[in-house]
Amino acid sequence: MISTALARALRDSGLRWRPTAGDAFRIDGVEADQEVYILSDMTVEAHDYGTGTVLGFNGTTEWALDSVALDDTLWLPHEHQLRQFLAATFRSLTAQDGFVVEIETEGQSHVFGADDAANAYARAALYLLDSLAVQGPR
């Protein structure tokens, strides 16, 4: 699973979350921020309102949480979601002393390593987001 630090960096660099079933998240900035929740129609559902998206907790949770605003959560994207974000820039994932993701932008290869695949993908996505921000809108 992606690290909290990389998830925050991705969010701060502009990666946006549209909650769907199966997504992992933490409640950001509270003592329970180490607990990982999974969106599921049975336990945690996304509810869209005119004022924003709220994640509603169904049934009993260990500390009686009813709902939390999307802005108060931290999405922990899965490997496949990060690979999908990398899209056409993605070249490979290899296992060598950890994991290495290779992407290609503007004809140049870039590699990103980490102890697990999710964090390698996250580092590549962070690079891509930051390079897009430097280039600005086209």
C-alpha atoms as a PDB file:
ATOM      1  CA  MET A   1       0.000   0.000   0.000  1.00  0.00           C
ATOM      2  CA  ILE A   2       1.200   3.514  -0.805  1.00  0.00           C
ATOM      3  CA  SER A   3       2.795   5.450   2.048  1.00  0.00           C
ATOM      4  CA  THR A   4       0.909   8.264   3.756  1.00  0.00           C
ATOM      5  CA  ALA A   5       3.674  10.743   2.859  1.00  0.00           C
ATOM      6  CA  LEU A   6       3.460   9.900  -0.853  1.00  0.00           C
ATOM      7  CA  ALA A   7      -0.355   9.989  -0.774  1.00  0.00           C
ATOM      8  CA  ARG A   8      -0.211  13.513   0.708  1.00  0.00           C
ATOM      9  CA  ALA A   9       2.389  14.601  -1.844  1.00  0.00           C
ATOM     10  CA  LEU A  10       0.207  13.296  -4.696  1.00  0.00           C
ATOM     11  CA  ARG A  11      -2.845  15.105  -3.312  1.00  0.00           C
ATOM     12  CA  ASP A  12      -0.883  18.322  -2.827  1.00  0.00           C
ATOM     13  CA  SER A  13       0.450  18.068  -6.398  1.00  0.00           C
ATOM     14  CA  GLY A  14      -3.063  17.876  -7.797  1.00  0.00           C
ATOM     15  CA  LEU A  15      -4.086  14.204  -8.012  1.00  0.00           C
ATOM     16  CA  ARG A  16      -7.869  14.247  -7.571  1.00  0.00           C
ATOM     17  CA  TRP A  17     -10.001  11.479  -6.132  1.00  0.00           C
ATOM     18  CA  ARG A  18     -13.414  10.419  -7.386  1.00  0.00           C
ATOM     19  CA  PRO A  19     -14.381   7.822  -4.763  1.00  0.00           C
ATOM     20  CA  THR A  20     -15.456   4.409  -6.015  1.00  0.00           C
ATOM     21  CA  ALA A  21     -16.018   1.057  -4.316  1.00  0.00           C
ATOM     22  CA  GLY A  22     -12.753  -0.618  -3.401  1.00  0.00           C
ATOM     23  CA  ASP A  23     -10.800   2.614  -2.856  1.00  0.00           C
ATOM     24  CA  ALA A  24      -8.621   2.839   0.250  1.00  0.00           C
ATOM     25  CA  PHE A  25      -8.389   5.996   2.385  1.00  0.00           C
ATOM     26  CA  ARG A  26      -7.451   7.349   5.776  1.00  0.00           C
ATOM     27  CA  ILE A  27      -9.028  10.112   7.788  1.00  0.00           C
ATOM     28  CA  ASP A  28      -6.438  12.839   7.566  1.00  0.00           C
ATOM     29  CA  GLY A  29      -5.155  14.797  10.541  1.00  0.00           C
ATOM     30  CA  VAL A  30      -6.805  12.966  13.449  1.00  0.00           C
ATOM     31  CA  GLU A  31      -5.625  10.310  15.849  1.00  0.00           C
ATOM     32  CA  ALA A  32      -7.283   7.644  13.693  1.00  0.00           C
ATOM     33  CA  ASP A  33      -5.269   8.583  10.611  1.00  0.00           C
ATOM     34  CA  GLN A  34      -3.406   5.251  10.689  1.00  0.00           C
ATOM     35  CA  GLU A  35      -6.646   3.302  10.227  1.00  0.00           C
ATOM     36  CA  VAL A  36      -7.252   2.369   6.577  1.00  0.00           C
ATOM     37  CA  TYR A  37     -10.836   2.283   5.349  1.00  0.00           C
ATOM     38  CA  ILE A  38     -12.128   0.717   2.149  1.00  0.00           C
ATOM     39  CA  LEU A  39     -15.101   2.170   0.305  1.00  0.00           C
ATOM     40  CA  SER A  40     -17.833  -0.423   0.038  1.00  0.00           C
ATOM     41  CA  ASP A  41     -21.556  -0.169  -0.499  1.00  0.00           C
ATOM     42  CA  MET A  42     -21.986  -2.141   2.716  1.00  0.00           C
ATOM     43  CA  THR A  43     -19.701  -0.217   5.093  1.00  0.00           C
ATOM     44  CA  VAL A  44     -18.501   3.128   3.668  1.00  0.00           C
ATOM     45  CA  GLU A  45     -20.322   4.861   0.815  1.00  0.00           C
ATOM     46  CA  ALA A  46     -19.623   8.081  -1.073  1.00  0.00           C
ATOM     47  CA  HIS A  47     -22.581  10.492  -1.055  1.00  0.00           C
ATOM     48  CA  ASP A  48     -22.494  13.452  -3.452  1.00  0.00           C
ATOM     49  CA  TYR A  49     -24.251  16.629  -2.341  1.00  0.00           C
ATOM     50  CA  GLY A  50     -24.289  20.136  -3.762  1.00  0.00           C
ATOM     51  CA  THR A  51     -21.838  21.155  -1.051  1.00  0.00           C
ATOM     52  CA  GLY A  52     -19.382  18.300  -1.763  1.00  0.00           C
ATOM     53  CA  THR A  53     -18.808  14.613  -1.314  1.00  0.00           C
ATOM     54  CA  VAL A  54     -19.260  12.995   2.103  1.00  0.00           C
ATOM     55  CA  LEU A  55     -18.160   9.479   2.976  1.00  0.00           C
ATOM     56  CA  GLY A  56     -20.881   7.891   5.087  1.00  0.00           C
ATOM     57  CA  PHE A  57     -20.137   5.031   7.481  1.00  0.00           C
ATOM     58  CA  ASN A  58     -22.959   2.488   7.590  1.00  0.00           C
ATOM     59  CA  GLY A  59     -23.646   0.409  10.683  1.00  0.00           C
ATOM     60  CA  THR A  60     -21.298   0.337  13.631  1.00  0.00           C
ATOM     61  CA  THR A  61     -17.694   1.451  13.466  1.00  0.00           C
ATOM     62  CA  GLU A  62     -15.210   1.161  16.248  1.00  0.00           C
ATOM     63  CA  TRP A  63     -15.520   4.812  17.252  1.00  0.00           C
ATOM     64  CA  ALA A  64     -19.040   5.657  16.090  1.00  0.00           C
ATOM     65  CA  LEU A  65     -18.166   7.793  13.076  1.00  0.00           C
ATOM     66  CA  ASP A  66     -21.203   8.751  10.999  1.00  0.00           C
ATOM     67  CA  SER A  67     -19.547  10.543   8.084  1.00  0.00           C
ATOM     68  CA  VAL A  68     -16.504  12.517   7.021  1.00  0.00           C
ATOM     69  CA  ALA A  69     -16.082  15.170   4.323  1.00  0.00           C
ATOM     70  CA  LEU A  70     -13.940  14.124   1.386  1.00  0.00           C
ATOM     71  CA  ASP A  71     -11.629  17.083   2.137  1.00  0.00           C
ATOM     72  CA  ASP A  72     -10.837  15.475   5.508  1.00  0.00           C
ATOM     73  CA  THR A  73      -9.680  12.201   3.975  1.00  0.00           C
ATOM     74  CA  LEU A  74      -6.512  11.027   2.292  1.00  0.00           C
ATOM     75  CA  TRP A  75      -6.883   8.721  -0.704  1.00  0.00           C
ATOM     76  CA  LEU A  76      -4.414   5.828  -0.837  1.00  0.00           C
ATOM     77  CA  PRO A  77      -4.464   4.901  -4.524  1.00  0.00           C
ATOM     78  CA  HIS A  78      -3.871   1.287  -5.482  1.00  0.00           C
ATOM     79  CA  GLU A  79      -1.125   0.247  -7.917  1.00  0.00           C
ATOM     80  CA  HIS A  80      -3.561  -0.192 -10.795  1.00  0.00           C
ATOM     81  CA  GLN A  81      -5.003   3.300 -10.252  1.00  0.00           C
ATOM     82  CA  LEU A  82      -1.537   4.869 -10.335  1.00  0.00           C
ATOM     83  CA  ARG A  83      -0.597   2.850 -13.422  1.00  0.00           C
ATOM     84  CA  GLN A  84      -3.806   4.047 -15.075  1.00  0.00           C
ATOM     85  CA  PHE A  85      -2.874   7.644 -14.208  1.00  0.00           C
ATOM     86  CA  LEU A  86       0.546   7.164 -15.823  1.00  0.00           C
ATOM     87  CA  ALA A  87      -1.278   5.978 -18.970  1.00  0.00           C
ATOM     88  CA  ALA A  88       0.806   6.225 -22.149  1.00  0.00           C
ATOM     89  CA  THR A  89       3.927   7.366 -20.264  1.00  0.00           C
ATOM     90  CA  PHE A  90       4.206   3.978 -18.483  1.00  0.00           C
ATOM     91  CA  ARG A  91       6.880   1.668 -19.884  1.00  0.00           C
ATOM     92  CA  SER A  92       7.593  -1.015 -17.297  1.00  0.00           C
ATOM     93  CA  LEU A  93       7.612  -2.295 -13.742  1.00  0.00           C
ATOM     94  CA  THR A  94      10.546  -4.477 -12.776  1.00  0.00           C
ATOM     95  CA  ALA A  95      11.557  -6.155  -9.542  1.00  0.00           C
ATOM     96  CA  GLN A  96      15.218  -5.514  -8.804  1.00  0.00           C
ATOM     97  CA  ASP A  97      16.346  -4.589  -5.289  1.00  0.00           C
ATOM     98  CA  GLY A  98      12.750  -3.519  -4.692  1.00  0.00           C
ATOM     99  CA  PHE A  99      10.628  -2.273  -7.578  1.00  0.00           C
ATOM    100  CA  VAL A 100      11.427   0.110 -10.413  1.00  0.00           C
ATOM    101  CA  VAL A 101       8.861   1.906 -12.559  1.00  0.00           C
ATOM    102  CA  GLU A 102       9.971   3.365 -15.864  1.00  0.00           C
ATOM    103  CA  ILE A 103       8.013   6.088 -17.648  1.00  0.00           C
ATOM    104  CA  GLU A 104       8.802   8.088 -20.770  1.00  0.00           C
ATOM    105  CA  THR A 105       7.997  11.758 -21.269  1.00  0.00           C
ATOM    106  CA  GLU A 106       9.011  13.840 -24.262  1.00  0.00           C
ATOM    107  CA  GLY A 107      11.315  11.082 -25.494  1.00  0.00           C
ATOM    108  CA  GLN A 108      13.208  10.756 -22.196  1.00  0.00           C
ATOM    109  CA  SER A 109      13.142   7.770 -19.880  1.00  0.00           C
ATOM    110  CA  HIS A 110      12.680   8.298 -16.120  1.00  0.00           C
ATOM    111  CA  VAL A 111      12.969   5.572 -13.471  1.00  0.00           C
ATOM    112  CA  PHE A 112      11.589   5.528  -9.923  1.00  0.00           C
ATOM    113  CA  GLY A 113      12.445   2.930  -7.324  1.00  0.00           C
ATOM    114  CA  ALA A 114      10.904   1.911  -4.006  1.00  0.00           C
ATOM    115  CA  ASP A 115      10.661  -1.061  -1.672  1.00  0.00           C
ATOM    116  CA  ASP A 116       7.185  -1.864  -2.998  1.00  0.00           C
ATOM    117  CA  ALA A 117       5.467  -1.421  -6.336  1.00  0.00           C
ATOM    118  CA  ALA A 118       2.790   0.985  -5.083  1.00  0.00           C
ATOM    119  CA  ASN A 119       5.364   3.504  -3.869  1.00  0.00           C
ATOM    120  CA  ALA A 120       7.393   3.198  -7.097  1.00  0.00           C
ATOM    121  CA  TYR A 121       4.231   3.963  -9.095  1.00  0.00           C
ATOM    122  CA  ALA A 122       3.447   6.838  -6.705  1.00  0.00           C
ATOM    123  CA  ARG A 123       6.900   8.396  -7.213  1.00  0.00           C
ATOM    124  CA  ALA A 124       6.471   8.200 -10.986  1.00  0.00           C
ATOM    125  CA  ALA A 125       2.990   9.760 -10.729  1.00  0.00           C
ATOM    126  CA  LEU A 126       4.328  12.521  -8.481  1.00  0.00           C
ATOM    127  CA  TYR A 127       7.057  13.298 -11.012  1.00  0.00           C
ATOM    128  CA  LEU A 128       4.477  13.419 -13.801  1.00  0.00           C
ATOM    129  CA  LEU A 129       2.127  15.680 -11.821  1.00  0.00           C
ATOM    130  CA  ASP A 130       4.962  18.034 -10.874  1.00  0.00           C
ATOM    131  CA  SER A 131       6.286  18.189 -14.456  1.00  0.00           C
ATOM    132  CA  LEU A 132       2.787  18.963 -15.746  1.00  0.00           C
ATOM    133  CA  ALA A 133       2.454  21.766 -13.181  1.00  0.00           C
ATOM    134  CA  VAL A 134       5.763  23.302 -14.338  1.00  0.00           C
ATOM    135  CA  GLN A 135       4.649  23.157 -17.984  1.00  0.00           C
ATOM    136  CA  GLY A 136       1.298  24.715 -17.142  1.00  0.00           C
ATOM    137  CA  PRO A 137      -1.915  24.273 -19.121  1.00  0.00           C
ATOM    138  CA  ARG A 138      -1.605  23.672 -22.833  1.00  0.00           C
END
